[in-house]
Amino acid sequence: MADRRRLERFVRSKLREAGEQYEELRRSTDGQFEEAREAYQAARNARALPTDEADRARIICRRYAERRAARLDDEYRPACYEDGHPDCEGCVEDIYAGRIETW
């Protein structure tokens, strides 16, 4: 009788561990899927920007409120981007969201 209870506890603990591992893996893959979706959307929006003959994005600079033709780096930030500046950060967010003003 004691062996049967010990076996039941052992099986339950192993099933619980397997369930917890499955749930952790599921949450992890859901997060990775969402990150991939956001990256795809940002890249798609950045690639849809109008460009000039030198393949520079034609955007309206939020910082100086002027027309600019700027190359985008690997993270789809304009060459004039200044890290930490609120207008530049907002410009990049607009590029990712597909709502940047263009000309």
N, C-alpha and C. Protein backbone atom coordinates (compact mmCIF):
# COMPACT_ATOMS: atom_id res chain seq x y z
N MET A 1 0.81 -1.19 0.00
CA MET A 1 0.00 0.00 0.00
C MET A 1 0.86 1.26 0.00
N ALA A 2 1.93 1.28 0.79
CA ALA A 2 2.81 2.44 0.85
C ALA A 2 3.53 2.65 -0.48
N ASP A 3 3.90 1.55 -1.12
CA ASP A 3 4.56 1.67 -2.42
C ASP A 3 3.63 2.30 -3.46
N ARG A 4 2.35 1.93 -3.39
CA ARG A 4 1.38 2.48 -4.35
C ARG A 4 1.23 3.99 -4.16
N ARG A 5 1.16 4.46 -2.90
CA ARG A 5 1.04 5.90 -2.63
C ARG A 5 2.29 6.65 -3.08
N ARG A 6 3.43 6.05 -2.82
CA ARG A 6 4.67 6.68 -3.25
C ARG A 6 4.73 6.77 -4.77
N LEU A 7 4.28 5.72 -5.44
CA LEU A 7 4.25 5.72 -6.90
C LEU A 7 3.29 6.79 -7.42
N GLU A 8 2.12 6.92 -6.80
CA GLU A 8 1.15 7.94 -7.20
C GLU A 8 1.73 9.34 -7.03
N ARG A 9 2.38 9.60 -5.88
CA ARG A 9 3.00 10.91 -5.65
C ARG A 9 4.08 11.19 -6.68
N PHE A 10 4.87 10.18 -6.96
CA PHE A 10 5.94 10.33 -7.94
C PHE A 10 5.37 10.67 -9.32
N VAL A 11 4.36 9.91 -9.74
CA VAL A 11 3.76 10.15 -11.06
C VAL A 11 3.11 11.53 -11.11
N ARG A 12 2.40 11.92 -10.06
CA ARG A 12 1.77 13.25 -10.02
C ARG A 12 2.81 14.35 -10.07
N SER A 13 3.88 14.21 -9.33
CA SER A 13 4.91 15.25 -9.34
C SER A 13 5.56 15.37 -10.72
N LYS A 14 5.79 14.24 -11.37
CA LYS A 14 6.39 14.28 -12.71
C LYS A 14 5.42 14.89 -13.72
N LEU A 15 4.13 14.56 -13.60
CA LEU A 15 3.14 15.16 -14.51
C LEU A 15 3.02 16.66 -14.27
N ARG A 16 3.07 17.07 -13.01
CA ARG A 16 3.01 18.50 -12.68
C ARG A 16 4.22 19.23 -13.27
N GLU A 17 5.41 18.64 -13.11
CA GLU A 17 6.62 19.24 -13.68
C GLU A 17 6.51 19.35 -15.19
N ALA A 18 6.02 18.30 -15.83
CA ALA A 18 5.87 18.33 -17.29
C ALA A 18 4.88 19.41 -17.70
N GLY A 19 3.79 19.56 -16.95
CA GLY A 19 2.81 20.60 -17.25
C GLY A 19 3.39 22.00 -17.09
N GLU A 20 4.18 22.20 -16.04
CA GLU A 20 4.81 23.50 -15.82
C GLU A 20 5.82 23.81 -16.92
N GLN A 21 6.58 22.81 -17.33
CA GLN A 21 7.54 23.02 -18.41
C GLN A 21 6.82 23.35 -19.72
N TYR A 22 5.73 22.66 -19.97
CA TYR A 22 4.95 22.94 -21.19
C TYR A 22 4.42 24.36 -21.17
N GLU A 23 3.87 24.79 -20.04
CA GLU A 23 3.32 26.14 -19.93
C GLU A 23 4.41 27.19 -20.11
N GLU A 24 5.57 26.95 -19.53
CA GLU A 24 6.69 27.88 -19.69
C GLU A 24 7.13 27.97 -21.16
N LEU A 25 7.22 26.84 -21.81
CA LEU A 25 7.59 26.81 -23.22
C LEU A 25 6.54 27.52 -24.08
N ARG A 26 5.28 27.30 -23.76
CA ARG A 26 4.20 27.94 -24.53
C ARG A 26 4.26 29.46 -24.38
N ARG A 27 4.46 29.94 -23.15
CA ARG A 27 4.58 31.40 -22.94
C ARG A 27 5.78 31.96 -23.69
N SER A 28 6.87 31.23 -23.67
CA SER A 28 8.08 31.68 -24.34
C SER A 28 7.87 31.77 -25.85
N THR A 29 7.28 30.76 -26.43
CA THR A 29 7.06 30.78 -27.89
C THR A 29 6.03 31.83 -28.27
N ASP A 30 5.01 32.05 -27.42
CA ASP A 30 4.04 33.11 -27.70
C ASP A 30 4.74 34.47 -27.74
N GLY A 31 5.66 34.70 -26.78
CA GLY A 31 6.40 35.95 -26.75
C GLY A 31 7.30 36.12 -27.96
N GLN A 32 7.96 35.04 -28.36
CA GLN A 32 8.83 35.10 -29.54
C GLN A 32 8.02 35.35 -30.80
N PHE A 33 6.86 34.74 -30.88
CA PHE A 33 6.00 34.94 -32.04
C PHE A 33 5.55 36.40 -32.12
N GLU A 34 5.19 36.98 -30.99
CA GLU A 34 4.75 38.39 -30.98
C GLU A 34 5.91 39.31 -31.36
N GLU A 35 7.11 39.04 -30.87
CA GLU A 35 8.28 39.85 -31.24
C GLU A 35 8.55 39.75 -32.73
N ALA A 36 8.46 38.57 -33.28
CA ALA A 36 8.68 38.38 -34.72
C ALA A 36 7.63 39.11 -35.53
N ARG A 37 6.39 39.07 -35.08
CA ARG A 37 5.31 39.78 -35.78
C ARG A 37 5.55 41.29 -35.78
N GLU A 38 5.96 41.83 -34.63
CA GLU A 38 6.24 43.26 -34.54
C GLU A 38 7.42 43.65 -35.43
N ALA A 39 8.47 42.84 -35.45
CA ALA A 39 9.64 43.12 -36.30
C ALA A 39 9.26 43.06 -37.77
N TYR A 40 8.45 42.10 -38.16
CA TYR A 40 8.00 42.00 -39.54
C TYR A 40 7.18 43.23 -39.93
N GLN A 41 6.28 43.65 -39.06
CA GLN A 41 5.43 44.81 -39.34
C GLN A 41 6.28 46.07 -39.48
N ALA A 42 7.26 46.25 -38.60
CA ALA A 42 8.14 47.42 -38.67
C ALA A 42 8.93 47.42 -39.97
N ALA A 43 9.47 46.27 -40.35
CA ALA A 43 10.24 46.18 -41.59
C ALA A 43 9.36 46.44 -42.80
N ARG A 44 8.16 45.91 -42.78
CA ARG A 44 7.23 46.12 -43.90
C ARG A 44 6.88 47.60 -44.04
N ASN A 45 6.62 48.26 -42.92
CA ASN A 45 6.28 49.69 -42.97
C ASN A 45 7.47 50.52 -43.43
N ALA A 46 8.66 50.18 -42.97
CA ALA A 46 9.86 50.93 -43.36
C ALA A 46 10.15 50.74 -44.84
N ARG A 47 9.95 49.54 -45.36
CA ARG A 47 10.21 49.27 -46.77
C ARG A 47 9.19 49.94 -47.68
N ALA A 48 8.03 50.28 -47.13
CA ALA A 48 6.98 50.91 -47.92
C ALA A 48 7.16 52.42 -48.06
N LEU A 49 8.16 52.97 -47.38
CA LEU A 49 8.38 54.42 -47.46
C LEU A 49 8.82 54.81 -48.87
N PRO A 50 8.35 55.97 -49.35
CA PRO A 50 8.83 56.43 -50.65
C PRO A 50 10.32 56.76 -50.59
N THR A 51 11.03 56.49 -51.68
CA THR A 51 12.47 56.73 -51.71
C THR A 51 12.83 57.59 -52.91
N ASP A 52 14.03 58.19 -52.83
CA ASP A 52 14.53 58.95 -53.97
C ASP A 52 15.39 58.03 -54.84
N GLU A 53 16.05 58.61 -55.83
CA GLU A 53 16.86 57.81 -56.76
C GLU A 53 18.07 57.18 -56.10
N ALA A 54 18.51 57.69 -54.96
CA ALA A 54 19.65 57.12 -54.23
C ALA A 54 19.18 56.13 -53.15
N ASP A 55 17.93 55.74 -53.20
CA ASP A 55 17.33 54.77 -52.27
C ASP A 55 17.32 55.28 -50.83
N ARG A 56 17.14 56.59 -50.66
CA ARG A 56 17.00 57.17 -49.33
C ARG A 56 15.52 57.41 -49.08
N ALA A 57 15.07 57.16 -47.85
CA ALA A 57 13.67 57.37 -47.48
C ALA A 57 13.37 58.86 -47.46
N ARG A 58 12.24 59.21 -48.04
CA ARG A 58 11.82 60.63 -48.05
C ARG A 58 10.83 60.83 -46.91
N ILE A 59 11.32 61.42 -45.82
CA ILE A 59 10.50 61.61 -44.63
C ILE A 59 10.49 63.08 -44.23
N ILE A 60 9.51 63.42 -43.39
CA ILE A 60 9.46 64.75 -42.79
C ILE A 60 10.06 64.62 -41.40
N CYS A 61 11.14 65.33 -41.14
CA CYS A 61 11.84 65.27 -39.86
C CYS A 61 10.97 65.87 -38.77
N ARG A 62 10.73 65.13 -37.72
CA ARG A 62 9.91 65.63 -36.62
C ARG A 62 10.69 66.65 -35.78
N ARG A 63 11.99 66.51 -35.76
CA ARG A 63 12.81 67.39 -34.92
C ARG A 63 12.91 68.80 -35.51
N TYR A 64 13.12 68.87 -36.83
CA TYR A 64 13.30 70.17 -37.46
C TYR A 64 12.16 70.55 -38.39
N ALA A 65 11.16 69.70 -38.51
CA ALA A 65 9.98 69.94 -39.34
C ALA A 65 10.39 70.34 -40.76
N GLU A 66 11.24 69.51 -41.37
CA GLU A 66 11.67 69.76 -42.73
C GLU A 66 11.73 68.46 -43.51
N ARG A 67 11.71 68.57 -44.82
CA ARG A 67 11.82 67.40 -45.67
C ARG A 67 13.25 66.86 -45.62
N ARG A 68 13.37 65.56 -45.53
CA ARG A 68 14.68 64.93 -45.50
C ARG A 68 14.67 63.67 -46.34
N ALA A 69 15.78 63.43 -46.99
CA ALA A 69 16.02 62.15 -47.66
C ALA A 69 17.14 61.49 -46.86
N ALA A 70 16.81 60.44 -46.15
CA ALA A 70 17.78 59.83 -45.24
C ALA A 70 17.84 58.32 -45.45
N ARG A 71 19.04 57.80 -45.39
CA ARG A 71 19.20 56.33 -45.44
C ARG A 71 18.72 55.76 -44.12
N LEU A 72 18.16 54.56 -44.18
CA LEU A 72 17.74 53.86 -42.98
C LEU A 72 18.78 52.79 -42.64
N ASP A 73 19.12 52.67 -41.36
CA ASP A 73 20.09 51.65 -40.95
C ASP A 73 19.39 50.30 -40.80
N ASP A 74 20.09 49.33 -40.25
CA ASP A 74 19.56 47.97 -40.10
C ASP A 74 18.34 47.90 -39.19
N GLU A 75 18.19 48.87 -38.31
CA GLU A 75 17.05 48.91 -37.40
C GLU A 75 15.99 49.89 -37.89
N TYR A 76 16.10 50.30 -39.16
CA TYR A 76 15.16 51.21 -39.82
C TYR A 76 15.09 52.57 -39.14
N ARG A 77 16.24 53.06 -38.69
CA ARG A 77 16.34 54.41 -38.14
C ARG A 77 17.00 55.29 -39.19
N PRO A 78 16.54 56.53 -39.36
CA PRO A 78 17.17 57.42 -40.33
C PRO A 78 18.60 57.77 -39.91
N ALA A 79 19.42 58.13 -40.88
CA ALA A 79 20.81 58.48 -40.61
C ALA A 79 20.92 59.68 -39.67
N CYS A 80 19.92 60.53 -39.65
CA CYS A 80 19.95 61.71 -38.79
C CYS A 80 19.48 61.41 -37.37
N TYR A 81 19.17 60.17 -37.08
CA TYR A 81 18.65 59.76 -35.77
C TYR A 81 19.65 60.03 -34.66
N GLU A 82 19.16 60.62 -33.56
CA GLU A 82 19.99 60.87 -32.39
C GLU A 82 19.38 60.11 -31.21
N ASP A 83 20.13 59.15 -30.69
CA ASP A 83 19.63 58.30 -29.61
C ASP A 83 19.26 59.13 -28.39
N GLY A 84 18.07 58.89 -27.85
CA GLY A 84 17.63 59.57 -26.64
C GLY A 84 16.86 60.85 -26.88
N HIS A 85 16.89 61.39 -28.10
CA HIS A 85 16.15 62.62 -28.37
C HIS A 85 14.67 62.24 -28.58
N PRO A 86 13.75 62.90 -27.87
CA PRO A 86 12.35 62.52 -27.96
C PRO A 86 11.76 62.61 -29.36
N ASP A 87 12.12 63.62 -30.13
CA ASP A 87 11.60 63.73 -31.49
C ASP A 87 12.12 62.61 -32.38
N CYS A 88 13.40 62.27 -32.22
CA CYS A 88 13.98 61.19 -33.01
C CYS A 88 13.37 59.85 -32.62
N GLU A 89 13.16 59.65 -31.33
CA GLU A 89 12.52 58.41 -30.87
C GLU A 89 11.11 58.31 -31.43
N GLY A 90 10.38 59.43 -31.43
CA GLY A 90 9.03 59.44 -31.97
C GLY A 90 9.02 59.19 -33.47
N CYS A 91 10.02 59.70 -34.16
CA CYS A 91 10.13 59.48 -35.60
C CYS A 91 10.31 57.99 -35.90
N VAL A 92 11.18 57.33 -35.16
CA VAL A 92 11.41 55.90 -35.36
C VAL A 92 10.14 55.11 -35.04
N GLU A 93 9.46 55.48 -33.96
CA GLU A 93 8.20 54.81 -33.62
C GLU A 93 7.19 54.97 -34.75
N ASP A 94 7.14 56.17 -35.35
CA ASP A 94 6.22 56.41 -36.46
C ASP A 94 6.60 55.58 -37.68
N ILE A 95 7.89 55.43 -37.93
CA ILE A 95 8.33 54.59 -39.05
C ILE A 95 7.88 53.16 -38.82
N TYR A 96 8.11 52.66 -37.61
CA TYR A 96 7.71 51.28 -37.28
C TYR A 96 6.20 51.09 -37.41
N ALA A 97 5.43 52.10 -37.01
CA ALA A 97 3.97 51.99 -37.03
C ALA A 97 3.38 52.29 -38.41
N GLY A 98 4.20 52.84 -39.31
CA GLY A 98 3.70 53.15 -40.65
C GLY A 98 2.93 54.45 -40.74
N ARG A 99 3.16 55.36 -39.81
CA ARG A 99 2.42 56.63 -39.81
C ARG A 99 3.32 57.85 -39.96
N ILE A 100 4.56 57.65 -40.42
CA ILE A 100 5.49 58.76 -40.61
C ILE A 100 5.05 59.62 -41.79
N GLU A 101 5.23 60.91 -41.66
CA GLU A 101 4.91 61.81 -42.77
C GLU A 101 6.00 61.71 -43.82
N THR A 102 5.59 61.67 -45.08
CA THR A 102 6.54 61.57 -46.18
C THR A 102 6.25 62.65 -47.20
N TRP A 103 7.12 62.77 -48.18
CA TRP A 103 6.91 63.72 -49.26
C TRP A 103 7.21 63.07 -50.58
